[in-house]
Amino acid sequence: MDLMNRMCKPYLDKFIIVFIDDILVYSRTKHEHEGHLQILFELLRKKKLYEKFSKCEFRLREVQFLGHVINDKGIPVDPTKVETVMSWETPKSPTEIRRFLGLAGYYRRFIQDFSKIASPLTSLTQKNIKYVWDQKQEEAFQILKQKLSSAPILALPDGSNDFVVYCDASVNGLGCVLMQRNNVIAYASRQLKRHEANYATHDLELGAVVFVLKLWRHYLYGTRFVVYSDHKSLKHIFDQKDLNMR
């Protein structure tokens, strides 16, 4: 993988993605794609590296890569993974819950407030908690299935301008949305940590902003973007002389 990354370094995230020994080439047009492929073939030729022709696919309008489907409309959920989730039987133990959340959680970026919805399930995975599956857990289990089966197609970022971040926080957790020109790029959420349960509303709302700026720094770093929060006092943070250590 290191060799492939070094070889393709000038073109990484421009039109080439490398993962271990898989190479993905993406382009806006067929003509552009032919040029990109020619560059890649020349790189491989110089390094005397070879791709097995039977494992290569060219000029695809849709690809499956790292568990995701990618096409010109955006990133939909892999339908084979949806089928697996939909056929999942009711978990009978904390281990089975973790397995379910492991698969469903891989697609959490498609589901708004994933962590809040999954909270009744994750609570049963904690130590010293008696395993009792009741109505709350069943509702959360079915809602996650339904949300994943009807998940939206997420847009692919188009350049590095016009990003908008929406943040919200409550005692149930943090929730955020990344958008660009009215298109959803990703959802993010997490439950509160134990010490955060004692935070004032102001600190929780600011914590949501910090959480999402770290999570999506690869999109937002070095760009101008807008952050929306429903906590009005946050806009005065830059006017304060003294801030607490949080």
C-alpha atoms as a PDB file:
ATOM      1  CA  MET A   1       0.000   0.000   0.000  1.00  0.00           C
ATOM      2  CA  ASP A   2       2.876   2.368   0.815  1.00  0.00           C
ATOM      3  CA  LEU A   3       4.386   1.790  -2.628  1.00  0.00           C
ATOM      4  CA  MET A   4       1.060   2.467  -4.332  1.00  0.00           C
ATOM      5  CA  ASN A   5       0.498   5.645  -2.319  1.00  0.00           C
ATOM      6  CA  ARG A   6       3.982   6.949  -3.087  1.00  0.00           C
ATOM      7  CA  MET A   7       3.625   6.121  -6.765  1.00  0.00           C
ATOM      8  CA  CYS A   8       0.215   7.793  -7.086  1.00  0.00           C
ATOM      9  CA  LYS A   9       0.889  10.649  -4.638  1.00  0.00           C
ATOM     10  CA  PRO A  10       0.667  13.506  -7.213  1.00  0.00           C
ATOM     11  CA  TYR A  11      -2.808  12.322  -8.210  1.00  0.00           C
ATOM     12  CA  LEU A  12      -4.312  11.099  -4.928  1.00  0.00           C
ATOM     13  CA  ASP A  13      -7.707  12.689  -4.204  1.00  0.00           C
ATOM     14  CA  LYS A  14      -7.542  14.383  -7.599  1.00  0.00           C
ATOM     15  CA  PHE A  15      -8.657  11.404  -9.647  1.00  0.00           C
ATOM     16  CA  ILE A  16      -7.093   8.383  -7.913  1.00  0.00           C
ATOM     17  CA  ILE A  17      -7.936   6.609  -4.646  1.00  0.00           C
ATOM     18  CA  VAL A  18      -5.726   3.794  -3.347  1.00  0.00           C
ATOM     19  CA  PHE A  19      -6.718   1.267  -0.693  1.00  0.00           C
ATOM     20  CA  ILE A  20      -4.166  -1.514  -0.110  1.00  0.00           C
ATOM     21  CA  ASP A  21      -3.865  -2.933  -3.662  1.00  0.00           C
ATOM     22  CA  ASP A  22      -7.159  -1.557  -5.008  1.00  0.00           C
ATOM     23  CA  ILE A  23      -7.018   1.480  -7.280  1.00  0.00           C
ATOM     24  CA  LEU A  24     -10.085   3.574  -8.073  1.00  0.00           C
ATOM     25  CA  VAL A  25      -9.923   6.132 -10.886  1.00  0.00           C
ATOM     26  CA  TYR A  26     -12.754   8.674 -11.112  1.00  0.00           C
ATOM     27  CA  SER A  27     -13.446  11.323 -13.733  1.00  0.00           C
ATOM     28  CA  ARG A  28     -16.134  13.764 -14.840  1.00  0.00           C
ATOM     29  CA  THR A  29     -16.250  12.737 -18.503  1.00  0.00           C
ATOM     30  CA  LYS A  30     -15.294   9.748 -20.669  1.00  0.00           C
ATOM     31  CA  HIS A  31     -12.598  11.773 -22.418  1.00  0.00           C
ATOM     32  CA  GLU A  32     -11.130  12.879 -19.094  1.00  0.00           C
ATOM     33  CA  HIS A  33     -11.310   9.299 -17.839  1.00  0.00           C
ATOM     34  CA  GLU A  34      -9.253   8.011 -20.753  1.00  0.00           C
ATOM     35  CA  GLY A  35      -6.566  10.567 -19.936  1.00  0.00           C
ATOM     36  CA  HIS A  36      -6.572   9.591 -16.260  1.00  0.00           C
ATOM     37  CA  LEU A  37      -6.264   5.903 -17.123  1.00  0.00           C
ATOM     38  CA  GLN A  38      -3.355   6.657 -19.448  1.00  0.00           C
ATOM     39  CA  ILE A  39      -1.545   8.449 -16.621  1.00  0.00           C
ATOM     40  CA  LEU A  40      -2.112   5.508 -14.276  1.00  0.00           C
ATOM     41  CA  PHE A  41      -0.939   2.958 -16.853  1.00  0.00           C
ATOM     42  CA  GLU A  42       2.211   4.977 -17.419  1.00  0.00           C
ATOM     43  CA  LEU A  43       2.911   5.067 -13.675  1.00  0.00           C
ATOM     44  CA  LEU A  44       2.488   1.303 -13.440  1.00  0.00           C
ATOM     45  CA  ARG A  45       4.679   0.738 -16.487  1.00  0.00           C
ATOM     46  CA  LYS A  46       7.527   2.819 -15.060  1.00  0.00           C
ATOM     47  CA  LYS A  47       7.433   0.876 -11.787  1.00  0.00           C
ATOM     48  CA  LYS A  48       7.044  -2.425 -13.663  1.00  0.00           C
ATOM     49  CA  LEU A  49       3.829  -3.187 -11.811  1.00  0.00           C
ATOM     50  CA  TYR A  50       1.013  -5.209 -13.334  1.00  0.00           C
ATOM     51  CA  GLU A  51      -2.736  -5.411 -12.838  1.00  0.00           C
ATOM     52  CA  LYS A  52      -4.524  -8.693 -13.522  1.00  0.00           C
ATOM     53  CA  PHE A  53      -6.848  -7.933 -16.422  1.00  0.00           C
ATOM     54  CA  SER A  54      -9.582 -10.285 -15.190  1.00  0.00           C
ATOM     55  CA  LYS A  55      -9.824  -8.248 -11.983  1.00  0.00           C
ATOM     56  CA  CYS A  56     -10.016  -4.889 -13.738  1.00  0.00           C
ATOM     57  CA  GLU A  57     -13.205  -3.046 -14.678  1.00  0.00           C
ATOM     58  CA  PHE A  58     -13.335   0.002 -16.915  1.00  0.00           C
ATOM     59  CA  ARG A  59     -15.754   2.840 -17.703  1.00  0.00           C
ATOM     60  CA  LEU A  60     -18.251   1.928 -15.016  1.00  0.00           C
ATOM     61  CA  ARG A  61     -21.122   4.300 -14.237  1.00  0.00           C
ATOM     62  CA  GLU A  62     -21.482   2.742 -10.793  1.00  0.00           C
ATOM     63  CA  VAL A  63     -18.935   1.004  -8.543  1.00  0.00           C
ATOM     64  CA  GLN A  64     -18.909  -0.779  -5.204  1.00  0.00           C
ATOM     65  CA  PHE A  65     -15.939   0.368  -3.153  1.00  0.00           C
ATOM     66  CA  LEU A  66     -15.206  -0.226   0.537  1.00  0.00           C
ATOM     67  CA  GLY A  67     -18.771  -1.260   1.256  1.00  0.00           C
ATOM     68  CA  HIS A  68     -20.356   1.688  -0.538  1.00  0.00           C
ATOM     69  CA  VAL A  69     -22.019   2.125  -3.890  1.00  0.00           C
ATOM     70  CA  ILE A  70     -20.843   5.206  -5.791  1.00  0.00           C
ATOM     71  CA  ASN A  71     -22.478   6.628  -8.907  1.00  0.00           C
ATOM     72  CA  ASP A  72     -23.048   9.968 -10.621  1.00  0.00           C
ATOM     73  CA  LYS A  73     -25.960  10.753  -8.287  1.00  0.00           C
ATOM     74  CA  GLY A  74     -23.967  10.312  -5.071  1.00  0.00           C
ATOM     75  CA  ILE A  75     -23.498   7.544  -2.511  1.00  0.00           C
ATOM     76  CA  PRO A  76     -26.464   5.243  -1.868  1.00  0.00           C
ATOM     77  CA  VAL A  77     -26.389   2.449   0.700  1.00  0.00           C
ATOM     78  CA  ASP A  78     -25.228  -0.909  -0.649  1.00  0.00           C
ATOM     79  CA  PRO A  79     -28.520  -2.828  -1.192  1.00  0.00           C
ATOM     80  CA  THR A  80     -26.892  -6.139  -0.210  1.00  0.00           C
ATOM     81  CA  LYS A  81     -26.027  -4.683   3.199  1.00  0.00           C
ATOM     82  CA  VAL A  82     -29.589  -3.384   3.586  1.00  0.00           C
ATOM     83  CA  GLU A  83     -30.924  -6.888   2.963  1.00  0.00           C
ATOM     84  CA  THR A  84     -28.628  -8.245   5.672  1.00  0.00           C
ATOM     85  CA  VAL A  85     -29.834  -5.655   8.185  1.00  0.00           C
ATOM     86  CA  MET A  86     -33.495  -6.132   7.302  1.00  0.00           C
ATOM     87  CA  SER A  87     -33.259  -9.901   7.823  1.00  0.00           C
ATOM     88  CA  TRP A  88     -31.432  -9.555  11.156  1.00  0.00           C
ATOM     89  CA  GLU A  89     -33.238 -11.391  13.933  1.00  0.00           C
ATOM     90  CA  THR A  90     -33.879  -9.831  17.333  1.00  0.00           C
ATOM     91  CA  PRO A  91     -30.608  -9.829  19.327  1.00  0.00           C
ATOM     92  CA  LYS A  92     -30.580 -12.220  22.276  1.00  0.00           C
ATOM     93  CA  SER A  93     -27.442 -10.939  24.021  1.00  0.00           C
ATOM     94  CA  PRO A  94     -25.147  -7.889  24.299  1.00  0.00           C
ATOM     95  CA  THR A  95     -22.766  -9.559  21.838  1.00  0.00           C
ATOM     96  CA  GLU A  96     -25.513  -9.871  19.224  1.00  0.00           C
ATOM     97  CA  ILE A  97     -26.448  -6.219  19.758  1.00  0.00           C
ATOM     98  CA  ARG A  98     -22.834  -5.197  19.160  1.00  0.00           C
ATOM     99  CA  ARG A  99     -22.777  -7.204  15.941  1.00  0.00           C
ATOM    100  CA  PHE A 100     -25.951  -5.553  14.706  1.00  0.00           C
ATOM    101  CA  LEU A 101     -24.764  -2.061  15.643  1.00  0.00           C
ATOM    102  CA  GLY A 102     -21.404  -2.801  14.050  1.00  0.00           C
ATOM    103  CA  LEU A 103     -23.047  -3.400  10.683  1.00  0.00           C
ATOM    104  CA  ALA A 104     -25.736  -0.716  10.976  1.00  0.00           C
ATOM    105  CA  GLY A 105     -23.221   1.739  12.431  1.00  0.00           C
ATOM    106  CA  TYR A 106     -21.025   1.457   9.346  1.00  0.00           C
ATOM    107  CA  TYR A 107     -23.767   3.402   7.581  1.00  0.00           C
ATOM    108  CA  ARG A 108     -24.463   5.860  10.393  1.00  0.00           C
ATOM    109  CA  ARG A 109     -23.540   8.770   8.125  1.00  0.00           C
ATOM    110  CA  PHE A 110     -26.773   8.013   6.205  1.00  0.00           C
ATOM    111  CA  ILE A 111     -29.021   8.139   9.290  1.00  0.00           C
ATOM    112  CA  GLN A 112     -29.838  11.365  11.081  1.00  0.00           C
ATOM    113  CA  ASP A 113     -29.519  11.051  14.891  1.00  0.00           C
ATOM    114  CA  PHE A 114     -28.233   7.481  14.649  1.00  0.00           C
ATOM    115  CA  SER A 115     -26.766   7.531  18.173  1.00  0.00           C
ATOM    116  CA  LYS A 116     -29.962   8.845  19.739  1.00  0.00           C
ATOM    117  CA  ILE A 117     -32.045   6.178  18.029  1.00  0.00           C
ATOM    118  CA  ALA A 118     -29.592   3.430  19.015  1.00  0.00           C
ATOM    119  CA  SER A 119     -29.320   4.558  22.648  1.00  0.00           C
ATOM    120  CA  PRO A 120     -31.744   1.917  24.056  1.00  0.00           C
ATOM    121  CA  LEU A 121     -29.671  -0.769  22.333  1.00  0.00           C
ATOM    122  CA  THR A 122     -26.250   0.472  23.398  1.00  0.00           C
ATOM    123  CA  SER A 123     -27.449   0.740  26.996  1.00  0.00           C
ATOM    124  CA  LEU A 124     -27.818  -3.064  27.066  1.00  0.00           C
ATOM    125  CA  THR A 125     -24.180  -3.542  26.055  1.00  0.00           C
ATOM    126  CA  GLN A 126     -22.833  -1.882  29.202  1.00  0.00           C
ATOM    127  CA  LYS A 127     -21.270  -3.912  31.982  1.00  0.00           C
ATOM    128  CA  ASN A 128     -23.357  -4.775  35.043  1.00  0.00           C
ATOM    129  CA  ILE A 129     -26.600  -4.041  33.156  1.00  0.00           C
ATOM    130  CA  LYS A 130     -29.187  -6.818  33.181  1.00  0.00           C
ATOM    131  CA  TYR A 131     -30.193  -7.836  29.675  1.00  0.00           C
ATOM    132  CA  VAL A 132     -33.899  -7.085  29.329  1.00  0.00           C
ATOM    133  CA  TRP A 133     -35.237  -6.577  25.812  1.00  0.00           C
ATOM    134  CA  ASP A 134     -38.417  -4.543  26.070  1.00  0.00           C
ATOM    135  CA  GLN A 135     -40.491  -2.174  23.938  1.00  0.00           C
ATOM    136  CA  LYS A 136     -37.857   0.595  23.839  1.00  0.00           C
ATOM    137  CA  GLN A 137     -35.234  -1.746  22.445  1.00  0.00           C
ATOM    138  CA  GLU A 138     -37.622  -3.274  19.920  1.00  0.00           C
ATOM    139  CA  GLU A 139     -38.699   0.161  18.688  1.00  0.00           C
ATOM    140  CA  ALA A 140     -35.090   1.301  18.308  1.00  0.00           C
ATOM    141  CA  PHE A 141     -34.213  -1.943  16.503  1.00  0.00           C
ATOM    142  CA  GLN A 142     -37.061  -1.569  14.014  1.00  0.00           C
ATOM    143  CA  ILE A 143     -36.508   2.174  13.492  1.00  0.00           C
ATOM    144  CA  LEU A 144     -32.851   1.604  12.596  1.00  0.00           C
ATOM    145  CA  LYS A 145     -33.901  -1.055  10.106  1.00  0.00           C
ATOM    146  CA  GLN A 146     -36.499   1.250   8.578  1.00  0.00           C
ATOM    147  CA  LYS A 147     -34.121   4.231   8.439  1.00  0.00           C
ATOM    148  CA  LEU A 148     -31.419   2.200   6.739  1.00  0.00           C
ATOM    149  CA  SER A 149     -33.820   0.700   4.199  1.00  0.00           C
ATOM    150  CA  SER A 150     -35.004   4.189   3.220  1.00  0.00           C
ATOM    151  CA  ALA A 151     -31.667   5.982   3.617  1.00  0.00           C
ATOM    152  CA  PRO A 152     -31.155   8.949   1.282  1.00  0.00           C
ATOM    153  CA  ILE A 153     -28.522   9.120  -1.425  1.00  0.00           C
ATOM    154  CA  LEU A 154     -25.749  11.275  -0.002  1.00  0.00           C
ATOM    155  CA  ALA A 155     -24.247  13.846  -2.329  1.00  0.00           C
ATOM    156  CA  LEU A 156     -20.555  13.826  -3.146  1.00  0.00           C
ATOM    157  CA  PRO A 157     -18.731  17.057  -2.230  1.00  0.00           C
ATOM    158  CA  ASP A 158     -18.317  19.346  -5.225  1.00  0.00           C
ATOM    159  CA  GLY A 159     -15.242  21.433  -4.547  1.00  0.00           C
ATOM    160  CA  SER A 160     -14.450  22.964  -1.157  1.00  0.00           C
ATOM    161  CA  ASN A 161     -16.857  25.906  -1.122  1.00  0.00           C
ATOM    162  CA  ASP A 162     -20.367  26.499   0.251  1.00  0.00           C
ATOM    163  CA  PHE A 163     -20.252  23.962   3.091  1.00  0.00           C
ATOM    164  CA  VAL A 164     -22.880  24.449   5.796  1.00  0.00           C
ATOM    165  CA  VAL A 165     -22.880  22.660   9.160  1.00  0.00           C
ATOM    166  CA  TYR A 166     -25.992  22.307  11.331  1.00  0.00           C
ATOM    167  CA  CYS A 167     -25.421  21.357  14.986  1.00  0.00           C
ATOM    168  CA  ASP A 168     -27.756  20.459  17.824  1.00  0.00           C
ATOM    169  CA  ALA A 169     -27.277  19.106  21.335  1.00  0.00           C
ATOM    170  CA  SER A 170     -29.516  17.791  24.086  1.00  0.00           C
ATOM    171  CA  VAL A 171     -29.399  15.413  27.027  1.00  0.00           C
ATOM    172  CA  ASN A 172     -29.956  12.630  24.477  1.00  0.00           C
ATOM    173  CA  GLY A 173     -26.763  13.365  22.541  1.00  0.00           C
ATOM    174  CA  LEU A 174     -25.195  15.430  19.778  1.00  0.00           C
ATOM    175  CA  GLY A 175     -26.490  15.596  16.214  1.00  0.00           C
ATOM    176  CA  CYS A 176     -25.038  17.307  13.141  1.00  0.00           C
ATOM    177  CA  VAL A 177     -25.569  17.568   9.387  1.00  0.00           C
ATOM    178  CA  LEU A 178     -23.037  18.560   6.727  1.00  0.00           C
ATOM    179  CA  MET A 179     -24.546  20.110   3.603  1.00  0.00           C
ATOM    180  CA  GLN A 180     -23.333  21.747   0.427  1.00  0.00           C
ATOM    181  CA  ARG A 181     -25.685  23.778  -1.759  1.00  0.00           C
ATOM    182  CA  ASN A 182     -28.763  22.210  -0.123  1.00  0.00           C
ATOM    183  CA  ASN A 183     -27.454  18.658  -0.602  1.00  0.00           C
ATOM    184  CA  VAL A 184     -26.764  16.399   2.384  1.00  0.00           C
ATOM    185  CA  ILE A 185     -23.151  15.192   2.412  1.00  0.00           C
ATOM    186  CA  ALA A 186     -23.294  13.310   5.727  1.00  0.00           C
ATOM    187  CA  TYR A 187     -25.037  12.974   9.076  1.00  0.00           C
ATOM    188  CA  ALA A 188     -23.187  12.525  12.372  1.00  0.00           C
ATOM    189  CA  SER A 189     -24.232  11.928  15.960  1.00  0.00           C
ATOM    190  CA  ARG A 190     -23.003  10.505  19.220  1.00  0.00           C
ATOM    191  CA  GLN A 191     -24.260   9.925  22.726  1.00  0.00           C
ATOM    192  CA  LEU A 192     -23.066  12.071  25.608  1.00  0.00           C
ATOM    193  CA  LYS A 193     -20.099  10.922  27.633  1.00  0.00           C
ATOM    194  CA  ARG A 194     -20.743  10.463  31.327  1.00  0.00           C
ATOM    195  CA  HIS A 195     -19.125  13.738  32.409  1.00  0.00           C
ATOM    196  CA  GLU A 196     -20.940  15.667  29.662  1.00  0.00           C
ATOM    197  CA  ALA A 197     -24.306  14.856  31.232  1.00  0.00           C
ATOM    198  CA  ASN A 198     -23.550  17.620  33.763  1.00  0.00           C
ATOM    199  CA  TYR A 199     -22.703  20.251  31.148  1.00  0.00           C
ATOM    200  CA  ALA A 200     -24.766  23.409  30.857  1.00  0.00           C
ATOM    201  CA  THR A 201     -26.740  23.813  27.624  1.00  0.00           C
ATOM    202  CA  HIS A 202     -24.241  26.398  26.361  1.00  0.00           C
ATOM    203  CA  ASP A 203     -21.331  23.966  26.768  1.00  0.00           C
ATOM    204  CA  LEU A 204     -23.243  21.095  25.163  1.00  0.00           C
ATOM    205  CA  GLU A 205     -24.113  23.176  22.113  1.00  0.00           C
ATOM    206  CA  LEU A 206     -20.510  24.302  21.768  1.00  0.00           C
ATOM    207  CA  GLY A 207     -19.402  20.700  22.273  1.00  0.00           C
ATOM    208  CA  ALA A 208     -21.512  19.694  19.268  1.00  0.00           C
ATOM    209  CA  VAL A 209     -19.692  22.275  17.145  1.00  0.00           C
ATOM    210  CA  VAL A 210     -16.266  21.058  18.304  1.00  0.00           C
ATOM    211  CA  PHE A 211     -17.280  17.422  17.714  1.00  0.00           C
ATOM    212  CA  VAL A 212     -18.315  18.005  14.134  1.00  0.00           C
ATOM    213  CA  LEU A 213     -15.375  20.260  13.240  1.00  0.00           C
ATOM    214  CA  LYS A 214     -13.011  17.485  14.284  1.00  0.00           C
ATOM    215  CA  LEU A 215     -15.043  14.787  12.551  1.00  0.00           C
ATOM    216  CA  TRP A 216     -15.328  16.617   9.224  1.00  0.00           C
ATOM    217  CA  ARG A 217     -12.015  18.471   9.302  1.00  0.00           C
ATOM    218  CA  HIS A 218     -11.003  16.761   6.032  1.00  0.00           C
ATOM    219  CA  TYR A 219     -13.881  18.619   4.351  1.00  0.00           C
ATOM    220  CA  LEU A 220     -13.708  21.896   6.265  1.00  0.00           C
ATOM    221  CA  TYR A 221     -10.041  22.556   7.030  1.00  0.00           C
ATOM    222  CA  GLY A 222      -8.800  25.631   5.173  1.00  0.00           C
ATOM    223  CA  THR A 223     -12.240  26.564   3.825  1.00  0.00           C
ATOM    224  CA  ARG A 224     -14.848  29.180   4.684  1.00  0.00           C
ATOM    225  CA  PHE A 225     -18.087  27.624   5.898  1.00  0.00           C
ATOM    226  CA  VAL A 226     -21.163  28.472   7.957  1.00  0.00           C
ATOM    227  CA  VAL A 227     -22.153  26.825  11.248  1.00  0.00           C
ATOM    228  CA  TYR A 228     -25.769  26.970  12.399  1.00  0.00           C
ATOM    229  CA  SER A 229     -26.796  26.328  16.006  1.00  0.00           C
ATOM    230  CA  ASP A 230     -30.124  26.920  17.725  1.00  0.00           C
ATOM    231  CA  HIS A 231     -28.349  28.302  20.825  1.00  0.00           C
ATOM    232  CA  LYS A 232     -28.207  32.053  20.275  1.00  0.00           C
ATOM    233  CA  SER A 233     -25.624  32.823  22.958  1.00  0.00           C
ATOM    234  CA  LEU A 234     -22.899  30.969  21.036  1.00  0.00           C
ATOM    235  CA  LYS A 235     -22.554  33.843  18.593  1.00  0.00           C
ATOM    236  CA  HIS A 236     -21.138  35.979  21.410  1.00  0.00           C
ATOM    237  CA  ILE A 237     -18.336  33.544  22.236  1.00  0.00           C
ATOM    238  CA  PHE A 238     -15.723  35.549  20.346  1.00  0.00           C
ATOM    239  CA  ASP A 239     -16.670  38.685  22.293  1.00  0.00           C
ATOM    240  CA  GLN A 240     -15.919  37.104  25.678  1.00  0.00           C
ATOM    241  CA  LYS A 241     -12.604  37.896  27.338  1.00  0.00           C
ATOM    242  CA  ASP A 242     -12.621  34.858  29.612  1.00  0.00           C
ATOM    243  CA  LEU A 243     -13.757  31.355  28.691  1.00  0.00           C
ATOM    244  CA  ASN A 244     -13.891  28.308  30.952  1.00  0.00           C
ATOM    245  CA  MET A 245     -11.420  25.459  30.333  1.00  0.00           C
ATOM    246  CA  ARG A 246     -14.034  23.406  28.502  1.00  0.00           C
END
